[in-house]
Structures are given as C-alpha cells and as structure tokens.
Amino acid sequence: MQFTTTSAITLIAFASSVAASPLEARHDALEDWQVTDLAVSVPMGRPGSYPWGTLKANITDPNAINLGTSSDGSQMIVPAGSKGVVSFAW
C-alpha cells in the first residue's frame, strides 16, 4: 500500500488530535486571581526625576493547589490565599 504525502499528513493530524483530546476534565475550574492593590507611576520628565514608569500590583491566588506527593509520602498542597507582589518598570 502506497501513501501519498497528503494521506500521511492527514493520518498524522487525525491521530494526534484523537490522542490529545481528553476523555474528561482533569482539574476543577480555577478561580481568577484577585488584584488587591494597583499603583502606577509615570515620570514627570524633569531633570533629576526618576526616569522610568512603574506598575505595581498585589495579587492573591484564591486556589489551593495540590502539587502531588512528596518523597516521604505526604501531600504537598499550596494553601488558598497565597499572595504576591508584581512590579514592572519601563
């Protein structure tokens, strides 16, 4: 049986789409991150002033994340309510 290039590509595309489609949802839906504080600073343009604009946000993750089992057999879970600060300068 001889395959043409088009037949081979079609077969590979179909096989990969079947293999990649999940049978059921693997995770519960995650809640969106919560931005609890947001600050923006823009340079004034005067000599001697800070030359970069900045954006700073405080973020809270309301999701508990199960990272799996550790080497000693205990569950590794990041609790809900983890907080972080993100800061950008441009």
Protein backbone atom coordinates (compact mmCIF):
# COMPACT_ATOMS: atom_id res chain seq x y z
CA MET A 1 0.00 0.00 0.00
CA GLN A 2 1.46 3.31 -1.01
CA PHE A 3 0.67 6.53 0.88
CA THR A 4 0.82 9.93 -0.67
CA THR A 5 2.18 12.87 1.28
CA THR A 6 -1.32 14.28 1.74
CA SER A 7 -2.64 10.96 3.08
CA ALA A 8 0.25 10.64 5.52
CA ILE A 9 -0.18 14.20 6.84
CA THR A 10 -3.94 13.70 7.20
CA LEU A 11 -3.44 10.44 9.09
CA ILE A 12 -0.87 12.00 11.47
CA ALA A 13 -3.08 15.05 12.10
CA PHE A 14 -6.10 12.88 12.86
CA ALA A 15 -4.13 10.53 15.13
CA SER A 16 -2.61 13.41 17.12
CA SER A 17 -5.99 15.13 17.57
CA VAL A 18 -7.56 11.90 18.86
CA ALA A 19 -4.65 11.25 21.23
CA ALA A 20 -4.67 14.84 22.52
CA SER A 21 -8.38 15.12 23.30
CA PRO A 22 -9.08 14.42 26.99
CA LEU A 23 -11.79 11.98 27.95
CA GLU A 24 -12.83 14.00 31.00
CA ALA A 25 -11.82 17.18 32.78
CA ARG A 26 -8.70 16.55 34.86
CA HIS A 27 -8.93 19.59 37.14
CA ASP A 28 -11.64 21.60 38.79
CA ALA A 29 -12.13 25.07 37.38
CA LEU A 30 -9.74 27.55 38.95
CA GLU A 31 -10.88 30.89 40.31
CA ASP A 32 -9.37 34.09 38.90
CA TRP A 33 -6.55 35.83 40.75
CA GLN A 34 -7.65 38.81 42.82
CA VAL A 35 -5.81 42.11 42.39
CA THR A 36 -5.97 43.78 45.80
CA ASP A 37 -3.86 46.87 45.07
CA LEU A 38 -2.64 48.56 41.90
CA ALA A 39 -0.30 51.54 41.65
CA VAL A 40 1.03 53.28 38.53
CA SER A 41 3.76 55.91 38.48
CA VAL A 42 4.77 57.89 35.39
CA PRO A 43 7.95 60.00 35.18
CA MET A 44 7.49 63.76 35.37
CA GLY A 45 10.17 64.48 32.77
CA ARG A 46 12.03 66.96 34.95
CA PRO A 47 15.82 66.74 35.23
CA GLY A 48 16.85 64.59 38.18
CA SER A 49 13.49 62.81 38.47
CA TYR A 50 13.14 59.03 38.36
CA PRO A 51 13.36 58.18 34.61
CA TRP A 52 11.14 55.05 34.47
CA GLY A 53 7.43 54.46 34.77
CA THR A 54 6.39 51.72 37.20
CA LEU A 55 3.41 49.44 37.69
CA LYS A 56 2.98 47.56 40.97
CA ALA A 57 0.19 45.10 41.80
CA ASN A 58 -0.61 42.98 44.87
CA ILE A 59 -2.16 39.68 43.79
CA THR A 60 -3.94 36.97 45.83
CA ASP A 61 -4.49 33.44 44.49
CA PRO A 62 -7.77 32.05 45.92
CA ASN A 63 -6.98 28.50 44.74
CA ALA A 64 -5.43 25.69 46.79
CA ILE A 65 -3.01 23.82 44.53
CA ASN A 66 -2.10 20.16 45.06
CA LEU A 67 1.50 19.63 43.90
CA GLY A 68 1.34 15.87 44.44
CA THR A 69 3.05 13.52 46.86
CA SER A 70 6.49 14.23 48.30
CA SER A 71 9.25 11.64 48.69
CA ASP A 72 8.13 10.92 52.28
CA GLY A 73 4.55 10.20 51.15
CA SER A 74 2.90 13.38 52.47
CA GLN A 75 0.71 15.58 50.28
CA MET A 76 2.26 18.86 49.12
CA ILE A 77 -0.54 21.47 48.98
CA VAL A 78 -0.15 25.21 48.49
CA PRO A 79 -2.97 26.72 50.58
CA ALA A 80 -5.52 29.13 49.15
CA GLY A 81 -4.82 32.80 49.77
CA SER A 82 -1.19 32.85 48.60
CA LYS A 83 -0.09 36.45 47.99
CA GLY A 84 2.48 38.03 45.72
CA VAL A 85 3.67 41.40 44.51
CA VAL A 86 4.37 42.08 40.84
CA SER A 87 6.36 45.13 39.81
CA PHE A 88 7.27 46.33 36.30
CA ALA A 89 9.40 49.26 35.18
CA TRP A 90 9.54 50.70 31.68
